[in-house]
Amino acid sequence: MRNIGGILLAAGQSTRMGRKNKLLMPVDHTSEPMIRIAAKTMLDSQLDQSMIILGHEAGHLADAISDLPIAQHVNPNYAKGMSQSICHGLDRIGDHVTDVMILLADMPNITAQMINALYQHHISADNPDHSITLPVVKSKTRQPRPANPVIWGKSFLPLLRQITGDKGGRDIITSHPHAVNPLAINDDRCFLDADTIDDLAIISEHRQPRRM
């Protein structure tokens, strides 16, 4: 039986957004901060366990989600990059977890429906332990491309722990093409990340992505 845990990365310093922490900024008419939207999406999904890794301005982010039943962990080494937050989460996820989904908190148009579709696609794979399940975005203007979030089968968790610097698992995906278990998504608006004010405006415009 599969048990898929989710790790939401929310420790970054938002340097390209200026002085403001983008995860505390609203993205639609609800005025809810981005971090809260991402946390609620995880809780609304089929993920068997959910946690958030905080770092930069951890106290403010924790206050924004204090009433939500989701585990919070502060990574003291967040300034060393995304890899450290991934490792921090993997060190704290339960031994009963068989697979891990890594999510980015600055992608608020990811929906619980999409997470559930990836979940089902992963557990239906011939060998989930050795599968990397991810969305592949189809667009009229771009070639198909892999996107986030990604579910990592159990055999890849040790490799994730070996990553260093400010990056995720892209190199692992590139070096294990036969393990990739793609799920086609026909709406690239879902995969916008909020690095700048302009990005945030586009995300806000497309807060209701089309169904798959």
N, C-alpha and C. Protein backbone atom coordinates (compact mmCIF):
# COMPACT_ATOMS: atom_id res chain seq x y z
N MET A 1 0.85 -1.20 0.00
CA MET A 1 0.00 0.00 0.00
C MET A 1 0.88 1.24 0.00
N ARG A 2 0.55 2.21 -0.86
CA ARG A 2 1.35 3.43 -0.94
C ARG A 2 0.89 4.43 0.12
N ASN A 3 1.85 5.18 0.61
CA ASN A 3 1.57 6.27 1.54
C ASN A 3 2.42 7.46 1.07
N ILE A 4 1.76 8.43 0.47
CA ILE A 4 2.47 9.53 -0.16
C ILE A 4 2.42 10.77 0.72
N GLY A 5 3.58 11.23 1.14
CA GLY A 5 3.67 12.43 1.95
C GLY A 5 4.03 13.62 1.09
N GLY A 6 3.53 14.79 1.46
CA GLY A 6 3.81 16.02 0.72
C GLY A 6 4.70 16.95 1.53
N ILE A 7 5.72 17.49 0.87
CA ILE A 7 6.61 18.48 1.49
C ILE A 7 6.48 19.77 0.71
N LEU A 8 5.96 20.80 1.35
CA LEU A 8 5.78 22.10 0.73
C LEU A 8 6.97 22.98 1.09
N LEU A 9 7.70 23.43 0.07
CA LEU A 9 8.89 24.25 0.30
C LEU A 9 8.50 25.71 0.35
N ALA A 10 8.72 26.33 1.51
CA ALA A 10 8.32 27.72 1.72
C ALA A 10 9.37 28.48 2.52
N ALA A 11 10.64 28.15 2.28
CA ALA A 11 11.72 28.71 3.09
C ALA A 11 12.52 29.79 2.39
N GLY A 12 12.26 30.02 1.09
CA GLY A 12 13.09 30.93 0.31
C GLY A 12 12.99 32.39 0.73
N GLN A 13 13.92 33.18 0.23
CA GLN A 13 14.05 34.58 0.64
C GLN A 13 13.34 35.57 -0.28
N SER A 14 12.73 35.13 -1.36
CA SER A 14 11.95 35.98 -2.25
C SER A 14 12.74 37.19 -2.74
N THR A 15 14.00 37.01 -3.05
CA THR A 15 14.85 38.15 -3.38
C THR A 15 14.39 38.90 -4.63
N ARG A 16 13.80 38.20 -5.60
CA ARG A 16 13.39 38.85 -6.85
C ARG A 16 12.10 39.65 -6.68
N MET A 17 11.43 39.50 -5.54
CA MET A 17 10.20 40.23 -5.28
C MET A 17 10.48 41.54 -4.55
N GLY A 18 11.74 41.79 -4.22
CA GLY A 18 12.06 43.01 -3.48
C GLY A 18 12.01 42.75 -1.98
N ARG A 19 11.55 43.75 -1.25
CA ARG A 19 11.54 43.65 0.21
C ARG A 19 10.38 42.81 0.73
N LYS A 20 9.38 42.62 -0.08
CA LYS A 20 8.21 41.88 0.37
C LYS A 20 8.42 40.37 0.26
N ASN A 21 7.88 39.64 1.22
CA ASN A 21 7.87 38.18 1.14
C ASN A 21 6.67 37.78 0.30
N LYS A 22 6.93 37.23 -0.88
CA LYS A 22 5.83 36.91 -1.80
C LYS A 22 4.82 35.95 -1.20
N LEU A 23 5.27 35.07 -0.31
CA LEU A 23 4.37 34.07 0.25
C LEU A 23 3.35 34.68 1.21
N LEU A 24 3.57 35.94 1.61
CA LEU A 24 2.61 36.63 2.46
C LEU A 24 1.69 37.54 1.65
N MET A 25 1.86 37.52 0.32
CA MET A 25 1.07 38.39 -0.53
C MET A 25 -0.19 37.67 -1.03
N PRO A 26 -1.31 38.39 -1.17
CA PRO A 26 -2.53 37.78 -1.69
C PRO A 26 -2.44 37.60 -3.20
N VAL A 27 -3.21 36.64 -3.72
CA VAL A 27 -3.19 36.39 -5.16
C VAL A 27 -4.58 36.45 -5.79
N ASP A 28 -5.62 36.68 -4.97
CA ASP A 28 -6.96 36.80 -5.53
C ASP A 28 -7.85 37.60 -4.60
N HIS A 29 -9.14 37.63 -4.89
CA HIS A 29 -10.09 38.45 -4.14
C HIS A 29 -10.27 38.03 -2.69
N THR A 30 -9.83 36.81 -2.34
CA THR A 30 -9.99 36.34 -0.97
C THR A 30 -9.03 37.01 0.00
N SER A 31 -7.98 37.62 -0.56
CA SER A 31 -6.93 38.29 0.23
C SER A 31 -6.12 37.32 1.08
N GLU A 32 -6.26 36.02 0.83
CA GLU A 32 -5.46 35.04 1.56
C GLU A 32 -4.03 35.05 1.04
N PRO A 33 -3.04 35.01 1.92
CA PRO A 33 -1.66 34.98 1.45
C PRO A 33 -1.35 33.68 0.72
N MET A 34 -0.37 33.75 -0.15
CA MET A 34 0.00 32.63 -1.00
C MET A 34 0.31 31.37 -0.18
N ILE A 35 1.01 31.52 0.94
CA ILE A 35 1.38 30.37 1.75
C ILE A 35 0.13 29.65 2.27
N ARG A 36 -0.89 30.41 2.59
CA ARG A 36 -2.12 29.81 3.12
C ARG A 36 -2.88 29.05 2.02
N ILE A 37 -2.90 29.62 0.82
CA ILE A 37 -3.54 28.96 -0.30
C ILE A 37 -2.87 27.62 -0.58
N ALA A 38 -1.53 27.61 -0.60
CA ALA A 38 -0.79 26.38 -0.87
C ALA A 38 -1.03 25.33 0.22
N ALA A 39 -1.05 25.77 1.47
CA ALA A 39 -1.27 24.83 2.57
C ALA A 39 -2.67 24.22 2.52
N LYS A 40 -3.67 25.05 2.27
CA LYS A 40 -5.05 24.55 2.19
C LYS A 40 -5.23 23.59 1.01
N THR A 41 -4.53 23.86 -0.08
CA THR A 41 -4.60 22.96 -1.24
C THR A 41 -4.08 21.57 -0.87
N MET A 42 -2.96 21.53 -0.17
CA MET A 42 -2.43 20.24 0.28
C MET A 42 -3.43 19.51 1.18
N LEU A 43 -4.00 20.24 2.12
CA LEU A 43 -4.93 19.62 3.06
C LEU A 43 -6.20 19.12 2.39
N ASP A 44 -6.58 19.77 1.30
CA ASP A 44 -7.77 19.35 0.56
C ASP A 44 -7.52 18.17 -0.37
N SER A 45 -6.27 17.77 -0.51
CA SER A 45 -5.89 16.71 -1.45
C SER A 45 -5.88 15.35 -0.76
N GLN A 46 -5.53 14.33 -1.54
CA GLN A 46 -5.45 12.96 -1.03
C GLN A 46 -4.11 12.63 -0.39
N LEU A 47 -3.20 13.56 -0.31
CA LEU A 47 -1.91 13.28 0.31
C LEU A 47 -2.10 12.70 1.70
N ASP A 48 -1.32 11.68 2.03
CA ASP A 48 -1.48 10.99 3.29
C ASP A 48 -0.84 11.73 4.46
N GLN A 49 0.08 12.62 4.15
CA GLN A 49 0.76 13.42 5.18
C GLN A 49 1.20 14.71 4.52
N SER A 50 1.11 15.82 5.25
CA SER A 50 1.52 17.11 4.67
C SER A 50 2.36 17.88 5.68
N MET A 51 3.41 18.51 5.19
CA MET A 51 4.24 19.36 6.03
C MET A 51 4.74 20.56 5.22
N ILE A 52 5.08 21.61 5.95
CA ILE A 52 5.62 22.82 5.34
C ILE A 52 7.00 23.07 5.93
N ILE A 53 7.96 23.37 5.05
CA ILE A 53 9.30 23.73 5.49
C ILE A 53 9.44 25.25 5.39
N LEU A 54 9.63 25.88 6.54
CA LEU A 54 9.78 27.32 6.63
C LEU A 54 11.24 27.68 6.84
N GLY A 55 11.56 28.97 6.62
CA GLY A 55 12.93 29.45 6.82
C GLY A 55 12.93 30.95 6.95
N HIS A 56 13.03 31.65 5.82
CA HIS A 56 13.00 33.10 5.81
C HIS A 56 11.67 33.61 6.35
N GLU A 57 11.74 34.52 7.34
CA GLU A 57 10.55 35.08 7.97
C GLU A 57 9.58 33.99 8.42
N ALA A 58 10.15 32.96 9.01
CA ALA A 58 9.35 31.79 9.42
C ALA A 58 8.22 32.17 10.36
N GLY A 59 8.46 33.09 11.27
CA GLY A 59 7.43 33.46 12.23
C GLY A 59 6.20 34.07 11.57
N HIS A 60 6.42 34.95 10.61
CA HIS A 60 5.30 35.58 9.92
C HIS A 60 4.50 34.55 9.10
N LEU A 61 5.22 33.65 8.44
CA LEU A 61 4.55 32.62 7.66
C LEU A 61 3.78 31.68 8.57
N ALA A 62 4.37 31.32 9.69
CA ALA A 62 3.70 30.42 10.63
C ALA A 62 2.42 31.05 11.15
N ASP A 63 2.44 32.36 11.39
CA ASP A 63 1.24 33.04 11.87
C ASP A 63 0.12 32.97 10.82
N ALA A 64 0.49 33.01 9.54
CA ALA A 64 -0.52 33.01 8.47
C ALA A 64 -1.24 31.68 8.34
N ILE A 65 -0.64 30.61 8.87
CA ILE A 65 -1.24 29.28 8.75
C ILE A 65 -1.42 28.61 10.11
N SER A 66 -1.39 29.41 11.17
CA SER A 66 -1.38 28.86 12.52
C SER A 66 -2.61 28.02 12.86
N ASP A 67 -3.72 28.31 12.19
CA ASP A 67 -4.95 27.59 12.50
C ASP A 67 -5.16 26.35 11.64
N LEU A 68 -4.23 26.08 10.73
CA LEU A 68 -4.37 24.95 9.83
C LEU A 68 -3.68 23.71 10.40
N PRO A 69 -4.30 22.53 10.25
CA PRO A 69 -3.73 21.30 10.83
C PRO A 69 -2.63 20.71 9.94
N ILE A 70 -1.55 21.44 9.82
CA ILE A 70 -0.46 20.99 8.96
C ILE A 70 0.86 21.16 9.71
N ALA A 71 1.72 20.19 9.61
CA ALA A 71 2.99 20.22 10.34
C ALA A 71 3.91 21.30 9.78
N GLN A 72 4.53 22.06 10.69
CA GLN A 72 5.47 23.11 10.30
C GLN A 72 6.85 22.78 10.83
N HIS A 73 7.86 22.94 9.98
CA HIS A 73 9.23 22.72 10.40
C HIS A 73 10.09 23.85 9.87
N VAL A 74 10.94 24.40 10.70
CA VAL A 74 11.81 25.51 10.31
C VAL A 74 13.19 24.98 9.99
N ASN A 75 13.66 25.27 8.79
CA ASN A 75 14.99 24.85 8.35
C ASN A 75 15.98 25.96 8.68
N PRO A 76 16.88 25.75 9.62
CA PRO A 76 17.84 26.80 9.97
C PRO A 76 18.86 27.07 8.87
N ASN A 77 19.00 26.15 7.93
CA ASN A 77 19.97 26.30 6.85
C ASN A 77 19.31 26.72 5.53
N TYR A 78 18.16 27.39 5.62
CA TYR A 78 17.42 27.73 4.39
C TYR A 78 18.22 28.60 3.44
N ALA A 79 19.14 29.41 3.94
CA ALA A 79 19.92 30.31 3.08
C ALA A 79 20.87 29.55 2.17
N LYS A 80 21.10 28.27 2.44
CA LYS A 80 21.99 27.46 1.60
C LYS A 80 21.27 26.89 0.38
N GLY A 81 19.97 27.17 0.27
CA GLY A 81 19.27 26.78 -0.95
C GLY A 81 18.19 25.73 -0.75
N MET A 82 17.46 25.50 -1.85
CA MET A 82 16.32 24.59 -1.83
C MET A 82 16.70 23.18 -1.40
N SER A 83 17.88 22.72 -1.78
CA SER A 83 18.28 21.35 -1.46
C SER A 83 18.25 21.10 0.05
N GLN A 84 18.63 22.12 0.84
CA GLN A 84 18.64 21.95 2.28
C GLN A 84 17.24 21.81 2.86
N SER A 85 16.28 22.50 2.25
CA SER A 85 14.90 22.39 2.71
C SER A 85 14.30 21.04 2.34
N ILE A 86 14.68 20.52 1.17
CA ILE A 86 14.24 19.18 0.79
C ILE A 86 14.75 18.15 1.80
N CYS A 87 16.04 18.22 2.11
CA CYS A 87 16.63 17.29 3.08
C CYS A 87 15.99 17.44 4.45
N HIS A 88 15.73 18.68 4.84
CA HIS A 88 15.10 18.93 6.14
C HIS A 88 13.74 18.24 6.21
N GLY A 89 12.98 18.33 5.12
CA GLY A 89 11.69 17.67 5.09
C GLY A 89 11.80 16.15 5.09
N LEU A 90 12.72 15.63 4.30
CA LEU A 90 12.89 14.17 4.24
C LEU A 90 13.31 13.60 5.59
N ASP A 91 14.09 14.37 6.36
CA ASP A 91 14.52 13.90 7.68
C ASP A 91 13.37 13.83 8.67
N ARG A 92 12.29 14.53 8.36
CA ARG A 92 11.18 14.62 9.31
C ARG A 92 9.91 13.91 8.86
N ILE A 93 9.95 13.35 7.70
CA ILE A 93 8.77 12.64 7.22
C ILE A 93 8.74 11.25 7.83
N GLY A 94 7.57 10.70 8.05
CA GLY A 94 7.46 9.44 8.77
C GLY A 94 8.03 8.25 8.01
N ASP A 95 8.48 7.25 8.75
CA ASP A 95 9.03 6.04 8.15
C ASP A 95 7.99 5.27 7.35
N HIS A 96 6.72 5.51 7.65
CA HIS A 96 5.65 4.80 6.94
C HIS A 96 5.41 5.38 5.55
N VAL A 97 5.99 6.54 5.25
CA VAL A 97 5.79 7.17 3.95
C VAL A 97 6.60 6.42 2.90
N THR A 98 5.95 6.03 1.82
CA THR A 98 6.62 5.28 0.76
C THR A 98 7.11 6.18 -0.37
N ASP A 99 6.44 7.28 -0.59
CA ASP A 99 6.76 8.17 -1.71
C ASP A 99 6.57 9.61 -1.23
N VAL A 100 7.25 10.54 -1.88
CA VAL A 100 7.20 11.94 -1.43
C VAL A 100 6.89 12.86 -2.60
N MET A 101 5.90 13.73 -2.41
CA MET A 101 5.63 14.78 -3.38
C MET A 101 6.28 16.07 -2.88
N ILE A 102 7.09 16.68 -3.73
CA ILE A 102 7.70 17.98 -3.42
C ILE A 102 6.89 19.06 -4.12
N LEU A 103 6.40 20.02 -3.35
CA LEU A 103 5.61 21.12 -3.89
C LEU A 103 6.27 22.45 -3.58
N LEU A 104 6.02 23.44 -4.43
CA LEU A 104 6.58 24.77 -4.25
C LEU A 104 5.47 25.73 -3.83
N ALA A 105 5.71 26.48 -2.78
CA ALA A 105 4.67 27.34 -2.23
C ALA A 105 4.34 28.53 -3.10
N ASP A 106 5.19 28.85 -4.07
CA ASP A 106 4.93 30.02 -4.92
C ASP A 106 4.23 29.65 -6.22
N MET A 107 3.52 28.52 -6.22
CA MET A 107 2.72 28.11 -7.37
C MET A 107 1.26 27.94 -6.92
N PRO A 108 0.56 29.02 -6.63
CA PRO A 108 -0.77 28.92 -6.02
C PRO A 108 -1.88 28.45 -6.95
N ASN A 109 -1.60 28.31 -8.24
CA ASN A 109 -2.64 27.80 -9.15
C ASN A 109 -2.64 26.28 -9.25
N ILE A 110 -1.73 25.62 -8.55
CA ILE A 110 -1.81 24.17 -8.42
C ILE A 110 -3.03 23.85 -7.57
N THR A 111 -3.83 22.91 -8.02
CA THR A 111 -5.08 22.59 -7.32
C THR A 111 -5.01 21.22 -6.64
N ALA A 112 -5.93 21.01 -5.71
CA ALA A 112 -6.03 19.69 -5.08
C ALA A 112 -6.38 18.64 -6.12
N GLN A 113 -7.18 19.00 -7.11
CA GLN A 113 -7.54 18.07 -8.18
C GLN A 113 -6.29 17.60 -8.92
N MET A 114 -5.38 18.52 -9.18
CA MET A 114 -4.15 18.15 -9.88
C MET A 114 -3.26 17.26 -9.02
N ILE A 115 -3.14 17.59 -7.75
CA ILE A 115 -2.38 16.75 -6.83
C ILE A 115 -2.97 15.35 -6.79
N ASN A 116 -4.29 15.26 -6.72
CA ASN A 116 -4.94 13.95 -6.69
C ASN A 116 -4.71 13.17 -7.98
N ALA A 117 -4.72 13.86 -9.11
CA ALA A 117 -4.47 13.18 -10.39
C ALA A 117 -3.07 12.61 -10.43
N LEU A 118 -2.10 13.37 -9.93
CA LEU A 118 -0.72 12.87 -9.87
C LEU A 118 -0.61 11.70 -8.89
N TYR A 119 -1.28 11.81 -7.77
CA TYR A 119 -1.30 10.74 -6.77
C TYR A 119 -1.79 9.44 -7.40
N GLN A 120 -2.94 9.50 -8.06
CA GLN A 120 -3.51 8.30 -8.67
C GLN A 120 -2.64 7.76 -9.80
N HIS A 121 -2.04 8.66 -10.56
CA HIS A 121 -1.16 8.25 -11.66
C HIS A 121 0.07 7.53 -11.11
N HIS A 122 0.56 7.99 -9.97
CA HIS A 122 1.74 7.38 -9.38
C HIS A 122 1.44 5.99 -8.83
N ILE A 123 0.37 5.87 -8.08
CA ILE A 123 0.09 4.56 -7.47
C ILE A 123 -0.34 3.54 -8.52
N SER A 124 -0.69 4.02 -9.72
CA SER A 124 -1.06 3.11 -10.81
C SER A 124 0.13 2.68 -11.65
N ALA A 125 1.29 3.25 -11.38
CA ALA A 125 2.49 2.89 -12.14
C ALA A 125 2.85 1.43 -11.91
N ASP A 126 3.55 0.84 -12.87
CA ASP A 126 3.96 -0.56 -12.74
C ASP A 126 4.87 -0.77 -11.53
N ASN A 127 5.73 0.21 -11.25
CA ASN A 127 6.67 0.09 -10.14
C ASN A 127 6.83 1.46 -9.48
N PRO A 128 5.89 1.84 -8.61
CA PRO A 128 5.95 3.17 -8.00
C PRO A 128 7.25 3.47 -7.26
N ASP A 129 7.86 2.45 -6.64
CA ASP A 129 9.11 2.67 -5.91
C ASP A 129 10.18 3.27 -6.81
N HIS A 130 10.14 2.92 -8.08
CA HIS A 130 11.18 3.37 -9.01
C HIS A 130 10.62 4.34 -10.05
N SER A 131 9.57 5.04 -9.68
CA SER A 131 8.94 5.99 -10.60
C SER A 131 9.10 7.42 -10.11
N ILE A 132 9.21 8.32 -11.07
CA ILE A 132 9.18 9.76 -10.82
C ILE A 132 7.97 10.29 -11.57
N THR A 133 6.93 10.61 -10.84
CA THR A 133 5.67 11.03 -11.46
C THR A 133 5.58 12.55 -11.47
N LEU A 134 5.36 13.10 -12.65
CA LEU A 134 5.32 14.56 -12.76
C LEU A 134 4.37 14.99 -13.88
N PRO A 135 3.88 16.22 -13.80
CA PRO A 135 3.05 16.73 -14.89
C PRO A 135 3.91 17.15 -16.07
N VAL A 136 3.45 16.85 -17.25
CA VAL A 136 4.08 17.35 -18.48
C VAL A 136 3.09 18.30 -19.12
N VAL A 137 3.52 19.54 -19.26
CA VAL A 137 2.62 20.59 -19.71
C VAL A 137 2.55 20.62 -21.22
N LYS A 138 1.33 20.57 -21.73
CA LYS A 138 1.09 20.74 -23.16
C LYS A 138 0.58 22.15 -23.40
N SER A 139 1.14 22.81 -24.39
CA SER A 139 0.77 24.19 -24.68
C SER A 139 0.78 24.41 -26.18
N LYS A 140 -0.05 25.33 -26.64
CA LYS A 140 -0.08 25.67 -28.06
C LYS A 140 1.16 26.45 -28.48
N THR A 141 1.84 27.04 -27.52
CA THR A 141 2.97 27.91 -27.84
C THR A 141 4.32 27.33 -27.46
N ARG A 142 4.35 26.20 -26.73
CA ARG A 142 5.63 25.63 -26.29
C ARG A 142 5.66 24.13 -26.54
N GLN A 143 6.88 23.60 -26.56
CA GLN A 143 7.05 22.16 -26.58
C GLN A 143 6.63 21.60 -25.22
N PRO A 144 6.16 20.34 -25.16
CA PRO A 144 5.83 19.74 -23.86
C PRO A 144 7.03 19.82 -22.92
N ARG A 145 6.76 20.14 -21.68
CA ARG A 145 7.86 20.30 -20.72
C ARG A 145 7.44 19.78 -19.35
N PRO A 146 8.37 19.20 -18.61
CA PRO A 146 8.06 18.72 -17.26
C PRO A 146 7.88 19.90 -16.31
N ALA A 147 7.07 19.69 -15.28
CA ALA A 147 6.78 20.77 -14.34
C ALA A 147 6.67 20.20 -12.93
N ASN A 148 6.33 21.05 -11.99
CA ASN A 148 6.10 20.67 -10.59
C ASN A 148 4.60 20.68 -10.31
N PRO A 149 4.17 19.94 -9.28
CA PRO A 149 4.93 19.16 -8.31
C PRO A 149 5.33 17.79 -8.82
N VAL A 150 6.29 17.18 -8.13
CA VAL A 150 6.83 15.88 -8.54
C VAL A 150 6.68 14.88 -7.39
N ILE A 151 6.25 13.66 -7.73
CA ILE A 151 6.23 12.57 -6.75
C ILE A 151 7.44 11.69 -6.99
N TRP A 152 8.21 11.49 -5.93
CA TRP A 152 9.43 10.69 -6.00
C TRP A 152 9.19 9.33 -5.35
N GLY A 153 9.40 8.27 -6.13
CA GLY A 153 9.31 6.93 -5.58
C GLY A 153 10.40 6.70 -4.54
N LYS A 154 10.17 5.72 -3.69
CA LYS A 154 11.04 5.48 -2.54
C LYS A 154 12.52 5.32 -2.91
N SER A 155 12.80 4.70 -4.03
CA SER A 155 14.20 4.45 -4.39
C SER A 155 14.97 5.72 -4.70
N PHE A 156 14.26 6.83 -4.96
CA PHE A 156 14.94 8.08 -5.30
C PHE A 156 15.16 8.99 -4.09
N LEU A 157 14.61 8.66 -2.96
CA LEU A 157 14.76 9.52 -1.79
C LEU A 157 16.22 9.67 -1.35
N PRO A 158 17.03 8.61 -1.38
CA PRO A 158 18.46 8.80 -1.05
C PRO A 158 19.16 9.75 -2.02
N LEU A 159 18.79 9.74 -3.29
CA LEU A 159 19.40 10.64 -4.26
C LEU A 159 19.01 12.08 -3.98
N LEU A 160 17.77 12.30 -3.56
CA LEU A 160 17.34 13.65 -3.21
C LEU A 160 18.14 14.20 -2.05
N ARG A 161 18.51 13.35 -1.13
CA ARG A 161 19.29 13.79 0.03
C ARG A 161 20.71 14.22 -0.35
N GLN A 162 21.16 13.80 -1.53
CA GLN A 162 22.52 14.13 -1.95
C GLN A 162 22.63 15.44 -2.72
N ILE A 163 21.48 16.05 -3.03
CA ILE A 163 21.49 17.31 -3.77
C ILE A 163 22.09 18.41 -2.90
N THR A 164 22.83 19.31 -3.51
CA THR A 164 23.39 20.45 -2.80
C THR A 164 23.05 21.73 -3.56
N GLY A 165 23.13 22.85 -2.86
CA GLY A 165 22.91 24.14 -3.51
C GLY A 165 21.45 24.50 -3.65
N ASP A 166 21.21 25.55 -4.40
CA ASP A 166 19.86 26.07 -4.56
C ASP A 166 19.18 25.43 -5.77
N LYS A 167 18.88 24.16 -5.65
CA LYS A 167 18.20 23.46 -6.74
C LYS A 167 17.45 22.26 -6.18
N GLY A 168 16.55 21.74 -7.03
CA GLY A 168 15.78 20.57 -6.65
C GLY A 168 16.29 19.34 -7.36
N GLY A 169 15.37 18.49 -7.83
CA GLY A 169 15.77 17.20 -8.38
C GLY A 169 15.84 17.12 -9.88
N ARG A 170 15.97 18.24 -10.56
CA ARG A 170 15.96 18.22 -12.03
C ARG A 170 17.05 17.32 -12.61
N ASP A 171 18.24 17.37 -12.02
CA ASP A 171 19.34 16.54 -12.54
C ASP A 171 19.03 15.05 -12.40
N ILE A 172 18.34 14.68 -11.33
CA ILE A 172 17.96 13.27 -11.14
C ILE A 172 16.97 12.86 -12.22
N ILE A 173 16.02 13.73 -12.52
CA ILE A 173 15.06 13.43 -13.58
C ILE A 173 15.76 13.25 -14.92
N THR A 174 16.70 14.14 -15.21
CA THR A 174 17.43 14.08 -16.47
C THR A 174 18.24 12.80 -16.60
N SER A 175 18.81 12.34 -15.50
CA SER A 175 19.68 11.16 -15.54
C SER A 175 18.91 9.84 -15.40
N HIS A 176 17.61 9.91 -15.16
CA HIS A 176 16.78 8.69 -15.04
C HIS A 176 15.53 8.82 -15.91
N PRO A 177 15.69 9.00 -17.21
CA PRO A 177 14.53 9.24 -18.09
C PRO A 177 13.55 8.08 -18.12
N HIS A 178 14.04 6.85 -17.93
CA HIS A 178 13.14 5.69 -17.99
C HIS A 178 12.25 5.58 -16.75
N ALA A 179 12.59 6.33 -15.70
CA ALA A 179 11.78 6.30 -14.49
C ALA A 179 10.64 7.30 -14.52
N VAL A 180 10.69 8.23 -15.47
CA VAL A 180 9.70 9.30 -15.52
C VAL A 180 8.33 8.74 -15.90
N ASN A 181 7.35 9.06 -15.08
CA ASN A 181 5.96 8.62 -15.26
C ASN A 181 5.12 9.88 -15.51
N PRO A 182 5.00 10.32 -16.77
CA PRO A 182 4.40 11.63 -17.04
C PRO A 182 2.88 11.61 -17.04
N LEU A 183 2.32 12.72 -16.59
CA LEU A 183 0.88 12.94 -16.67
C LEU A 183 0.66 14.22 -17.47
N ALA A 184 0.01 14.09 -18.63
CA ALA A 184 -0.19 15.24 -19.51
C ALA A 184 -1.22 16.20 -18.92
N ILE A 185 -0.85 17.46 -18.86
CA ILE A 185 -1.74 18.54 -18.40
C ILE A 185 -1.85 19.54 -19.53
N ASN A 186 -3.07 19.93 -19.85
CA ASN A 186 -3.28 20.77 -21.02
C ASN A 186 -3.45 22.26 -20.69
N ASP A 187 -2.94 22.68 -19.56
CA ASP A 187 -3.11 24.07 -19.15
C ASP A 187 -1.84 24.57 -18.48
N ASP A 188 -1.01 25.30 -19.22
CA ASP A 188 0.26 25.74 -18.64
C ASP A 188 0.09 26.88 -17.65
N ARG A 189 -1.09 27.46 -17.54
CA ARG A 189 -1.33 28.52 -16.56
C ARG A 189 -1.22 27.98 -15.13
N CYS A 190 -1.44 26.70 -14.95
CA CYS A 190 -1.39 26.11 -13.62
C CYS A 190 0.02 26.13 -13.03
N PHE A 191 1.02 26.26 -13.87
CA PHE A 191 2.41 26.06 -13.44
C PHE A 191 3.20 27.35 -13.35
N LEU A 192 2.50 28.47 -13.29
CA LEU A 192 3.17 29.75 -13.13
C LEU A 192 3.69 29.88 -11.70
N ASP A 193 4.94 30.30 -11.56
CA ASP A 193 5.46 30.56 -10.23
C ASP A 193 5.68 32.06 -10.04
N ALA A 194 5.53 32.51 -8.82
CA ALA A 194 5.53 33.94 -8.52
C ALA A 194 6.92 34.39 -8.09
N ASP A 195 7.75 34.73 -9.06
CA ASP A 195 9.08 35.25 -8.74
C ASP A 195 9.11 36.77 -8.70
N THR A 196 8.25 37.42 -9.49
CA THR A 196 8.25 38.88 -9.59
C THR A 196 6.81 39.41 -9.47
N ILE A 197 6.71 40.72 -9.36
CA ILE A 197 5.39 41.35 -9.30
C ILE A 197 4.60 41.06 -10.57
N ASP A 198 5.28 41.07 -11.72
CA ASP A 198 4.59 40.76 -12.98
C ASP A 198 4.06 39.33 -12.98
N ASP A 199 4.86 38.40 -12.47
CA ASP A 199 4.40 37.01 -12.37
C ASP A 199 3.13 36.93 -11.51
N LEU A 200 3.14 37.66 -10.41
CA LEU A 200 2.00 37.63 -9.49
C LEU A 200 0.74 38.15 -10.16
N ALA A 201 0.89 39.17 -11.00
CA ALA A 201 -0.27 39.71 -11.71
C ALA A 201 -0.86 38.68 -12.67
N ILE A 202 0.01 37.94 -13.36
CA ILE A 202 -0.46 36.91 -14.29
C ILE A 202 -1.15 35.77 -13.54
N ILE A 203 -0.57 35.38 -12.41
CA ILE A 203 -1.17 34.33 -11.59
C ILE A 203 -2.55 34.75 -11.11
N SER A 204 -2.67 35.96 -10.65
CA SER A 204 -3.95 36.46 -10.16
C SER A 204 -5.00 36.45 -11.26
N GLU A 205 -4.58 36.74 -12.47
CA GLU A 205 -5.49 36.76 -13.61
C GLU A 205 -6.03 35.37 -13.93
N HIS A 206 -5.21 34.35 -13.62
CA HIS A 206 -5.57 32.98 -13.99
C HIS A 206 -5.79 32.10 -12.76
N ARG A 207 -6.46 32.65 -11.75
CA ARG A 207 -6.68 31.89 -10.52
C ARG A 207 -7.69 30.75 -10.69
N GLN A 208 -8.39 30.68 -11.82
CA GLN A 208 -9.35 29.61 -12.06
C GLN A 208 -8.90 28.82 -13.29
N PRO A 209 -7.85 27.98 -13.14
CA PRO A 209 -7.36 27.22 -14.29
C PRO A 209 -8.40 26.24 -14.82
N ARG A 210 -8.30 25.96 -16.09
CA ARG A 210 -9.22 25.01 -16.73
C ARG A 210 -9.02 23.62 -16.17
N ARG A 211 -10.08 22.83 -16.22
CA ARG A 211 -9.97 21.43 -15.78
C ARG A 211 -9.13 20.65 -16.78
N MET A 212 -8.50 19.57 -16.27
CA MET A 212 -7.64 18.76 -17.11
C MET A 212 -8.48 17.97 -18.10
